Amino acid sequence: MATPTLKQLKRFVIVGIIGFVIDGGLLALITGVVGWNIYLSRLISFLVAALTTWWLNRRHTFGMDVPAAGDTHTREYGRYIAVQIGGGLINLGVFLWLIYVEPRLRAVPLSLLPVAIGSVAGMFWNYLGVRRWVFRT
């Protein structure tokens, strides 16, 4: 039988996969169809994925219908974004380093590989930060 923490981690990973699909899909769409540069495209895809994962994590991973006592959605989301920025910096740093050392990874669909590796790199930071600081479970 899985512990509550293990169940949360599994749900967090599932939400992260959904976020990855949104992040990677938007990156491919914006760079491949719209034609924007990969850096601006990645910023947009990351922000949309972060908003989606905040909602999914609060509802499905941590079972939060309302913010903790004395808190607001705005403050909670602010903390979530702060954690995501930390994880995002890890994620983006890995992504940028990979496309720097191997320029062929800039082309869609290969650009999804550095997105995936960057996502995994930031995942544990995000989980601990979200669990302990944002939703305080």
C-alpha atoms as a PDB file:
ATOM      1  CA  MET A   1       0.000   0.000   0.000  1.00  0.00           C
ATOM      2  CA  ALA A   2       1.360   3.403  -0.969  1.00  0.00           C
ATOM      3  CA  THR A   3       1.944   6.045   1.670  1.00  0.00           C
ATOM      4  CA  PRO A   4       0.209   9.435   1.292  1.00  0.00           C
ATOM      5  CA  THR A   5       3.551  10.971   0.314  1.00  0.00           C
ATOM      6  CA  LEU A   6       4.125   8.349  -2.377  1.00  0.00           C
ATOM      7  CA  LYS A   7       0.580   8.857  -3.684  1.00  0.00           C
ATOM      8  CA  GLN A   8       1.177  12.602  -3.826  1.00  0.00           C
ATOM      9  CA  LEU A   9       4.467  12.110  -5.628  1.00  0.00           C
ATOM     10  CA  LYS A  10       2.803   9.842  -8.203  1.00  0.00           C
ATOM     11  CA  ARG A  11       0.056  12.402  -8.773  1.00  0.00           C
ATOM     12  CA  PHE A  12       2.655  15.170  -8.940  1.00  0.00           C
ATOM     13  CA  VAL A  13       4.511  13.219 -11.632  1.00  0.00           C
ATOM     14  CA  ILE A  14       1.282  12.696 -13.609  1.00  0.00           C
ATOM     15  CA  VAL A  15       0.501  16.417 -13.400  1.00  0.00           C
ATOM     16  CA  GLY A  16       4.110  17.077 -14.420  1.00  0.00           C
ATOM     17  CA  ILE A  17       3.665  14.867 -17.475  1.00  0.00           C
ATOM     18  CA  ILE A  18       0.567  16.849 -18.401  1.00  0.00           C
ATOM     19  CA  GLY A  19       2.586  20.043 -17.917  1.00  0.00           C
ATOM     20  CA  PHE A  20       5.367  18.608 -20.067  1.00  0.00           C
ATOM     21  CA  VAL A  21       2.914  17.808 -22.882  1.00  0.00           C
ATOM     22  CA  ILE A  22       1.538  21.348 -22.701  1.00  0.00           C
ATOM     23  CA  ASP A  23       5.048  22.844 -22.496  1.00  0.00           C
ATOM     24  CA  GLY A  24       6.488  20.759 -25.334  1.00  0.00           C
ATOM     25  CA  GLY A  25       3.382  20.953 -27.491  1.00  0.00           C
ATOM     26  CA  LEU A  26       3.183  24.724 -27.247  1.00  0.00           C
ATOM     27  CA  LEU A  27       6.918  25.023 -27.862  1.00  0.00           C
ATOM     28  CA  ALA A  28       6.594  22.964 -31.044  1.00  0.00           C
ATOM     29  CA  LEU A  29       3.483  24.862 -32.149  1.00  0.00           C
ATOM     30  CA  ILE A  30       4.860  28.329 -31.514  1.00  0.00           C
ATOM     31  CA  THR A  31       8.280  27.682 -33.063  1.00  0.00           C
ATOM     32  CA  GLY A  32       7.145  25.383 -35.876  1.00  0.00           C
ATOM     33  CA  VAL A  33       3.848  26.965 -36.938  1.00  0.00           C
ATOM     34  CA  VAL A  34       4.021  30.560 -35.732  1.00  0.00           C
ATOM     35  CA  GLY A  35       7.746  30.822 -36.412  1.00  0.00           C
ATOM     36  CA  TRP A  36       8.821  32.619 -33.242  1.00  0.00           C
ATOM     37  CA  ASN A  37      12.313  32.053 -31.873  1.00  0.00           C
ATOM     38  CA  ILE A  38      12.822  29.151 -29.523  1.00  0.00           C
ATOM     39  CA  TYR A  39      13.625  31.295 -26.459  1.00  0.00           C
ATOM     40  CA  LEU A  40      10.439  33.392 -26.486  1.00  0.00           C
ATOM     41  CA  SER A  41       8.430  30.311 -27.432  1.00  0.00           C
ATOM     42  CA  ARG A  42       9.812  28.422 -24.440  1.00  0.00           C
ATOM     43  CA  LEU A  43       8.982  31.250 -22.044  1.00  0.00           C
ATOM     44  CA  ILE A  44       5.368  31.247 -23.208  1.00  0.00           C
ATOM     45  CA  SER A  45       5.066  27.462 -23.153  1.00  0.00           C
ATOM     46  CA  PHE A  46       6.527  27.344 -19.621  1.00  0.00           C
ATOM     47  CA  LEU A  47       4.147  29.979 -18.242  1.00  0.00           C
ATOM     48  CA  VAL A  48       1.064  28.255 -19.665  1.00  0.00           C
ATOM     49  CA  ALA A  49       2.247  24.893 -18.318  1.00  0.00           C
ATOM     50  CA  ALA A  50       2.898  26.414 -14.845  1.00  0.00           C
ATOM     51  CA  LEU A  51      -0.615  27.859 -14.600  1.00  0.00           C
ATOM     52  CA  THR A  52      -2.136  24.531 -15.585  1.00  0.00           C
ATOM     53  CA  THR A  53      -0.043  22.513 -13.132  1.00  0.00           C
ATOM     54  CA  TRP A  54      -0.829  24.879 -10.234  1.00  0.00           C
ATOM     55  CA  TRP A  55      -4.526  24.230 -10.655  1.00  0.00           C
ATOM     56  CA  LEU A  56      -4.122  20.478 -11.185  1.00  0.00           C
ATOM     57  CA  ASN A  57      -1.728  20.080  -8.246  1.00  0.00           C
ATOM     58  CA  ARG A  58      -3.856  22.079  -5.848  1.00  0.00           C
ATOM     59  CA  ARG A  59      -6.997  20.106  -6.744  1.00  0.00           C
ATOM     60  CA  HIS A  60      -5.785  16.598  -7.548  1.00  0.00           C
ATOM     61  CA  THR A  61      -2.344  16.117  -6.008  1.00  0.00           C
ATOM     62  CA  PHE A  62      -2.862  17.869  -2.682  1.00  0.00           C
ATOM     63  CA  GLY A  63      -6.691  17.884  -2.546  1.00  0.00           C
ATOM     64  CA  MET A  64      -6.985  21.581  -1.812  1.00  0.00           C
ATOM     65  CA  ASP A  65     -10.382  23.158  -2.449  1.00  0.00           C
ATOM     66  CA  VAL A  66      -9.546  26.354  -0.625  1.00  0.00           C
ATOM     67  CA  PRO A  67      -6.259  27.873   0.522  1.00  0.00           C
ATOM     68  CA  ALA A  68      -4.986  27.057   4.009  1.00  0.00           C
ATOM     69  CA  ALA A  69      -6.370  29.097   6.907  1.00  0.00           C
ATOM     70  CA  GLY A  70      -5.249  32.701   6.718  1.00  0.00           C
ATOM     71  CA  ASP A  71      -4.077  32.324   3.124  1.00  0.00           C
ATOM     72  CA  THR A  72      -5.490  33.434  -0.227  1.00  0.00           C
ATOM     73  CA  HIS A  73      -5.392  32.001  -3.736  1.00  0.00           C
ATOM     74  CA  THR A  74      -3.234  34.952  -4.750  1.00  0.00           C
ATOM     75  CA  ARG A  75      -0.584  34.355  -2.079  1.00  0.00           C
ATOM     76  CA  GLU A  76      -0.671  30.611  -2.688  1.00  0.00           C
ATOM     77  CA  TYR A  77      -0.256  31.098  -6.428  1.00  0.00           C
ATOM     78  CA  GLY A  78       2.546  33.605  -5.766  1.00  0.00           C
ATOM     79  CA  ARG A  79       4.420  30.999  -3.744  1.00  0.00           C
ATOM     80  CA  TYR A  80       3.712  28.394  -6.421  1.00  0.00           C
ATOM     81  CA  ILE A  81       5.151  30.640  -9.109  1.00  0.00           C
ATOM     82  CA  ALA A  82       8.212  31.368  -6.923  1.00  0.00           C
ATOM     83  CA  VAL A  83       8.841  27.624  -6.571  1.00  0.00           C
ATOM     84  CA  GLN A  84       8.200  27.125 -10.282  1.00  0.00           C
ATOM     85  CA  ILE A  85      10.640  29.909 -11.128  1.00  0.00           C
ATOM     86  CA  GLY A  86      13.319  28.098  -9.109  1.00  0.00           C
ATOM     87  CA  GLY A  87      12.519  24.812 -10.825  1.00  0.00           C
ATOM     88  CA  GLY A  88      12.105  26.664 -14.094  1.00  0.00           C
ATOM     89  CA  LEU A  89      15.581  28.161 -13.794  1.00  0.00           C
ATOM     90  CA  ILE A  90      16.977  24.688 -13.263  1.00  0.00           C
ATOM     91  CA  ASN A  91      14.840  23.428 -16.163  1.00  0.00           C
ATOM     92  CA  LEU A  92      15.767  26.318 -18.464  1.00  0.00           C
ATOM     93  CA  GLY A  93      19.447  26.156 -17.536  1.00  0.00           C
ATOM     94  CA  VAL A  94      19.618  22.502 -18.525  1.00  0.00           C
ATOM     95  CA  PHE A  95      17.618  23.217 -21.708  1.00  0.00           C
ATOM     96  CA  LEU A  96      19.893  26.119 -22.750  1.00  0.00           C
ATOM     97  CA  TRP A  97      23.053  24.214 -21.947  1.00  0.00           C
ATOM     98  CA  LEU A  98      21.926  21.231 -24.024  1.00  0.00           C
ATOM     99  CA  ILE A  99      21.006  23.297 -27.090  1.00  0.00           C
ATOM    100  CA  TYR A 100      24.276  25.211 -26.706  1.00  0.00           C
ATOM    101  CA  VAL A 101      26.455  22.092 -26.636  1.00  0.00           C
ATOM    102  CA  GLU A 102      24.414  20.354 -29.344  1.00  0.00           C
ATOM    103  CA  PRO A 103      22.876  22.939 -31.747  1.00  0.00           C
ATOM    104  CA  ARG A 104      20.962  20.218 -33.633  1.00  0.00           C
ATOM    105  CA  LEU A 105      18.695  20.017 -30.583  1.00  0.00           C
ATOM    106  CA  ARG A 106      17.264  23.447 -31.469  1.00  0.00           C
ATOM    107  CA  ALA A 107      15.151  21.993 -34.276  1.00  0.00           C
ATOM    108  CA  VAL A 108      11.667  20.656 -33.662  1.00  0.00           C
ATOM    109  CA  PRO A 109      11.053  17.796 -32.825  1.00  0.00           C
ATOM    110  CA  LEU A 110      14.546  17.279 -31.354  1.00  0.00           C
ATOM    111  CA  SER A 111      14.003  20.352 -29.148  1.00  0.00           C
ATOM    112  CA  LEU A 112      11.609  18.218 -27.081  1.00  0.00           C
ATOM    113  CA  LEU A 113      14.543  16.186 -25.744  1.00  0.00           C
ATOM    114  CA  PRO A 114      16.170  19.112 -23.884  1.00  0.00           C
ATOM    115  CA  VAL A 115      12.682  20.152 -22.700  1.00  0.00           C
ATOM    116  CA  ALA A 116      12.217  16.671 -21.182  1.00  0.00           C
ATOM    117  CA  ILE A 117      15.649  16.545 -19.567  1.00  0.00           C
ATOM    118  CA  GLY A 118      15.209  20.044 -18.148  1.00  0.00           C
ATOM    119  CA  SER A 119      11.791  19.115 -16.787  1.00  0.00           C
ATOM    120  CA  VAL A 120      13.130  16.112 -14.904  1.00  0.00           C
ATOM    121  CA  ALA A 121      15.996  18.192 -13.515  1.00  0.00           C
ATOM    122  CA  GLY A 122      13.581  20.693 -11.931  1.00  0.00           C
ATOM    123  CA  MET A 123      10.959  18.173 -10.789  1.00  0.00           C
ATOM    124  CA  PHE A 124      12.304  17.357  -7.336  1.00  0.00           C
ATOM    125  CA  TRP A 125      12.868  21.001  -6.436  1.00  0.00           C
ATOM    126  CA  ASN A 126       9.308  21.734  -7.497  1.00  0.00           C
ATOM    127  CA  TYR A 127       7.774  18.816  -5.590  1.00  0.00           C
ATOM    128  CA  LEU A 128       9.471  19.652  -2.304  1.00  0.00           C
ATOM    129  CA  GLY A 129       8.773  23.363  -2.636  1.00  0.00           C
ATOM    130  CA  VAL A 130       5.141  22.888  -3.567  1.00  0.00           C
ATOM    131  CA  ARG A 131       4.534  20.289  -0.881  1.00  0.00           C
ATOM    132  CA  ARG A 132       6.264  22.127   1.961  1.00  0.00           C
ATOM    133  CA  TRP A 133       5.843  25.814   1.149  1.00  0.00           C
ATOM    134  CA  VAL A 134       2.864  26.241  -1.185  1.00  0.00           C
ATOM    135  CA  PHE A 135       0.282  23.704  -0.014  1.00  0.00           C
ATOM    136  CA  ARG A 136       1.996  23.010   3.335  1.00  0.00           C
ATOM    137  CA  THR A 137       1.212  19.315   3.569  1.00  0.00           C
END
